[in-house]
Amino acid sequence: MYTLAQAIHFLFPIIALIFLIVGLYKNSIYYVISSLWLSLISLIILYKSFGSQLFGDSFDYLNAGIYTLNLLILITSLIRIISHLSVDKTVFRYLSSFVKSLIIIGCLLVITNVWINAYFIENRMPGTPIMQVATFSKADYCAYRYTFYKVAKNGTVMYLCPNHYGLIPSIGRLAISPDFIASQLSPPNKKKSLLLQQKKVKVNSDG
């Protein structure tokens, strides 16, 4: 099942892109519709296989790239279909333009979230997990109901707060490492993180 899902992740976007290019080149709406369905199916499978959320340790650079390609194919196909179905009247033209604008804005927001998360999970200390922590009381740095934490390559603890800027997450660095972070690390990684933090403090004090 995993192999089939992986094959769909890689093959469907390529086939959808070929259909889209052929459809646009030949001005054939049927190829465009086929491209739309293939990209939509690929997006749904990818999203469901990663726990139905954009944040976490699943959307690395590779998967973010595949997801972005699917979204761009989907939005291009959808806009082409809307243009094909639009009636040549002023009201319908305005409505069509408004719908297209909403689609583009929504797509850009999703892509922004995916790539911020990809940057967050990729740049971490090797062998350390991404920790999703739910909070009953709002933290000073994040008012969302849960926060993601990681140990960066330099040993410091960083967080990702979903929807911090409306619909866009924020990434920040903690001055003090929470106890629950250290408890989730293996002894070698815990020691490495501590040594890196001590080294950073020493460098800052010498400077």
Protein backbone atom coordinates (compact mmCIF):
# COMPACT_ATOMS: atom_id res chain seq x y z
CA MET A 1 0.00 0.00 0.00
CA TYR A 2 2.84 2.38 0.86
CA THR A 3 4.60 1.59 -2.44
CA LEU A 4 1.36 2.28 -4.35
CA ALA A 5 0.92 5.59 -2.55
CA GLN A 6 4.49 6.60 -3.33
CA ALA A 7 4.01 5.69 -7.00
CA ILE A 8 0.86 7.82 -7.13
CA HIS A 9 2.70 10.73 -5.45
CA PHE A 10 5.34 10.78 -8.19
CA LEU A 11 3.48 9.56 -11.29
CA PHE A 12 0.15 11.38 -11.05
CA PRO A 13 1.64 14.92 -11.00
CA ILE A 14 3.82 14.11 -14.03
CA ILE A 15 0.91 12.63 -15.98
CA ALA A 16 -1.34 15.53 -14.91
CA LEU A 17 1.29 18.03 -16.08
CA ILE A 18 1.55 16.29 -19.47
CA PHE A 19 -2.25 16.35 -19.86
CA LEU A 20 -2.34 20.03 -18.89
CA ILE A 21 0.38 21.01 -21.39
CA VAL A 22 -1.34 19.02 -24.18
CA GLY A 23 -4.72 20.51 -23.25
CA LEU A 24 -3.43 24.08 -23.29
CA TYR A 25 -1.45 23.54 -26.50
CA LYS A 26 -4.33 21.89 -28.38
CA ASN A 27 -6.98 23.98 -26.63
CA SER A 28 -8.69 20.75 -25.56
CA ILE A 29 -10.78 21.10 -22.40
CA TYR A 30 -10.97 17.31 -21.96
CA TYR A 31 -7.23 17.01 -21.40
CA VAL A 32 -7.43 19.88 -18.91
CA ILE A 33 -10.27 18.18 -17.03
CA SER A 34 -8.24 14.95 -16.89
CA SER A 35 -5.30 16.94 -15.52
CA LEU A 36 -7.58 18.48 -12.89
CA TRP A 37 -8.81 15.12 -11.65
CA LEU A 38 -5.37 13.53 -11.54
CA SER A 39 -3.87 16.40 -9.56
CA LEU A 40 -6.86 16.47 -7.21
CA ILE A 41 -6.63 12.73 -6.51
CA SER A 42 -2.89 13.02 -5.90
CA LEU A 43 -3.39 15.95 -3.52
CA ILE A 44 -6.06 14.13 -1.50
CA ILE A 45 -3.99 10.93 -1.21
CA LEU A 46 -0.88 12.88 -0.21
CA TYR A 47 -2.80 14.94 2.34
CA LYS A 48 -4.55 11.90 3.86
CA SER A 49 -1.38 9.81 4.02
CA PHE A 50 0.28 12.56 6.07
CA GLY A 51 -2.40 12.67 8.75
CA SER A 52 -4.66 15.28 7.12
CA GLN A 53 -2.52 18.20 8.21
CA LEU A 54 0.03 20.46 6.52
CA PHE A 55 2.29 20.76 9.57
CA GLY A 56 4.49 18.12 11.16
CA ASP A 57 7.41 15.99 10.03
CA SER A 58 5.84 14.66 6.81
CA PHE A 59 6.06 17.65 4.48
CA ASP A 60 9.80 17.84 3.89
CA TYR A 61 11.29 19.61 0.86
CA LEU A 62 10.56 16.70 -1.49
CA ASN A 63 6.93 16.27 -0.47
CA ALA A 64 6.43 20.04 -0.36
CA GLY A 65 7.69 20.20 -3.94
CA ILE A 66 5.31 17.45 -5.07
CA TYR A 67 2.40 19.08 -3.24
CA THR A 68 3.22 22.47 -4.77
CA LEU A 69 3.39 21.02 -8.28
CA ASN A 70 0.00 19.37 -7.78
CA LEU A 71 -1.51 22.60 -6.49
CA LEU A 72 -0.17 24.62 -9.41
CA ILE A 73 -1.52 22.07 -11.90
CA LEU A 74 -4.87 22.04 -10.09
CA ILE A 75 -5.21 25.82 -10.00
CA THR A 76 -4.16 26.23 -13.66
CA SER A 77 -6.62 23.55 -14.77
CA LEU A 78 -9.41 25.03 -12.67
CA ILE A 79 -8.86 28.55 -13.99
CA ARG A 80 -8.80 27.24 -17.57
CA ILE A 81 -12.08 25.36 -17.01
CA ILE A 82 -13.73 28.41 -15.41
CA SER A 83 -12.64 30.55 -18.37
CA HIS A 84 -14.03 27.93 -20.76
CA LEU A 85 -17.42 27.88 -18.99
CA SER A 86 -17.70 31.64 -18.51
CA VAL A 87 -20.51 33.41 -20.30
CA ASP A 88 -19.59 36.51 -22.29
CA LYS A 89 -21.48 38.93 -20.06
CA THR A 90 -20.13 41.62 -17.74
CA VAL A 91 -21.59 40.14 -14.54
CA PHE A 92 -20.25 36.68 -15.27
CA ARG A 93 -16.84 38.06 -16.22
CA TYR A 94 -16.59 39.91 -12.90
CA LEU A 95 -17.77 36.85 -10.99
CA SER A 96 -15.31 34.64 -12.86
CA SER A 97 -12.44 37.02 -12.09
CA PHE A 98 -13.42 37.13 -8.42
CA VAL A 99 -13.51 33.32 -8.14
CA LYS A 100 -10.15 33.03 -9.89
CA SER A 101 -8.64 35.56 -7.46
CA LEU A 102 -9.91 33.58 -4.47
CA ILE A 103 -8.47 30.36 -5.90
CA ILE A 104 -5.07 31.94 -6.50
CA ILE A 105 -4.92 33.53 -3.02
CA GLY A 106 -5.96 30.27 -1.34
CA CYS A 107 -3.36 28.32 -3.33
CA LEU A 108 -0.59 30.78 -2.42
CA LEU A 109 -1.52 30.58 1.28
CA VAL A 110 -1.36 26.77 1.25
CA ILE A 111 1.98 26.78 -0.60
CA THR A 112 3.40 29.33 1.87
CA ASN A 113 2.35 27.16 4.83
CA VAL A 114 3.79 24.01 3.26
CA TRP A 115 7.20 25.57 2.54
CA ILE A 116 7.51 27.27 5.94
CA ASN A 117 6.84 23.88 7.53
CA ALA A 118 9.33 22.19 5.17
CA TYR A 119 12.03 24.69 6.16
CA PHE A 120 11.20 24.14 9.83
CA ILE A 121 11.46 20.35 9.81
CA GLU A 122 14.46 20.10 7.48
CA ASN A 123 16.77 22.38 9.46
CA ARG A 124 16.99 20.41 12.69
CA MET A 125 19.54 18.37 14.58
CA PRO A 126 19.88 14.94 12.91
CA GLY A 127 18.05 12.19 14.79
CA THR A 128 15.74 14.54 16.72
CA PRO A 129 11.95 14.50 16.36
CA ILE A 130 9.43 17.22 15.58
CA MET A 131 7.29 17.53 18.71
CA GLN A 132 3.65 18.62 18.53
CA VAL A 133 2.52 19.85 21.95
CA ALA A 134 -1.03 20.84 22.87
CA THR A 135 -1.42 23.55 25.50
CA PHE A 136 -4.34 24.33 27.81
CA SER A 137 -3.09 27.87 28.44
CA LYS A 138 -1.78 30.16 25.70
CA ALA A 139 1.96 30.67 25.57
CA ASP A 140 3.41 34.16 25.24
CA TYR A 141 4.89 33.31 21.85
CA CYS A 142 1.95 31.30 20.45
CA ALA A 143 -1.78 31.71 20.99
CA TYR A 144 -2.70 28.62 18.96
CA ARG A 145 -3.99 25.45 20.63
CA TYR A 146 -0.85 23.49 19.76
CA THR A 147 2.76 24.28 18.89
CA PHE A 148 5.52 22.40 17.08
CA TYR A 149 9.02 22.25 18.56
CA LYS A 150 12.39 21.11 17.27
CA VAL A 151 16.04 21.18 18.25
CA ALA A 152 17.98 23.18 15.65
CA LYS A 153 21.40 22.20 14.34
CA ASN A 154 23.05 24.64 16.75
CA GLY A 155 21.32 23.02 19.76
CA THR A 156 18.73 25.74 20.39
CA VAL A 157 15.01 25.00 20.62
CA MET A 158 12.77 26.50 17.95
CA TYR A 159 9.00 26.51 17.58
CA LEU A 160 6.44 26.79 14.81
CA CYS A 161 3.13 28.44 15.69
CA PRO A 162 0.31 27.75 13.17
CA ASN A 163 -1.90 30.65 12.05
CA HIS A 164 0.17 33.18 13.98
CA TYR A 165 -0.19 35.81 11.25
CA GLY A 166 -3.80 35.08 10.41
CA LEU A 167 -3.39 32.11 8.06
CA ILE A 168 0.42 32.00 8.02
CA PRO A 169 2.58 30.35 10.72
CA SER A 170 5.50 31.92 12.54
CA ILE A 171 8.88 30.44 13.49
CA GLY A 172 10.76 31.55 16.58
CA ARG A 173 13.58 30.60 18.92
CA LEU A 174 13.29 29.98 22.67
CA ALA A 175 15.88 31.41 25.02
CA ILE A 176 15.25 28.62 27.56
CA SER A 177 14.67 25.01 26.57
CA PRO A 178 11.44 23.55 28.09
CA ASP A 179 11.83 20.42 30.20
CA PHE A 180 9.51 18.36 28.01
CA ILE A 181 11.82 18.91 25.03
CA ALA A 182 14.85 17.45 26.80
CA SER A 183 12.80 14.48 28.03
CA GLN A 184 11.99 13.50 24.43
CA LEU A 185 15.60 13.46 23.27
CA SER A 186 17.89 10.45 23.33
CA PRO A 187 20.88 10.72 25.72
CA PRO A 188 23.42 11.39 22.89
CA ASN A 189 21.23 14.11 21.34
CA LYS A 190 20.50 15.60 24.75
CA LYS A 191 24.22 15.81 25.48
CA LYS A 192 24.97 17.24 22.04
CA SER A 193 22.25 19.89 22.41
CA LEU A 194 23.56 20.89 25.84
CA LEU A 195 27.15 21.17 24.57
CA LEU A 196 26.08 23.31 21.61
CA GLN A 197 24.08 25.62 23.85
CA GLN A 198 27.00 25.97 26.26
CA LYS A 199 29.31 26.71 23.33
CA LYS A 200 26.92 29.36 22.03
CA VAL A 201 26.66 31.01 25.46
CA LYS A 202 30.45 31.04 25.75
CA VAL A 203 30.84 32.63 22.30
CA ASN A 204 28.27 35.30 23.14
CA SER A 205 29.93 36.07 26.47
CA ASP A 206 33.38 36.31 24.86
CA GLY A 207 31.99 38.60 22.19
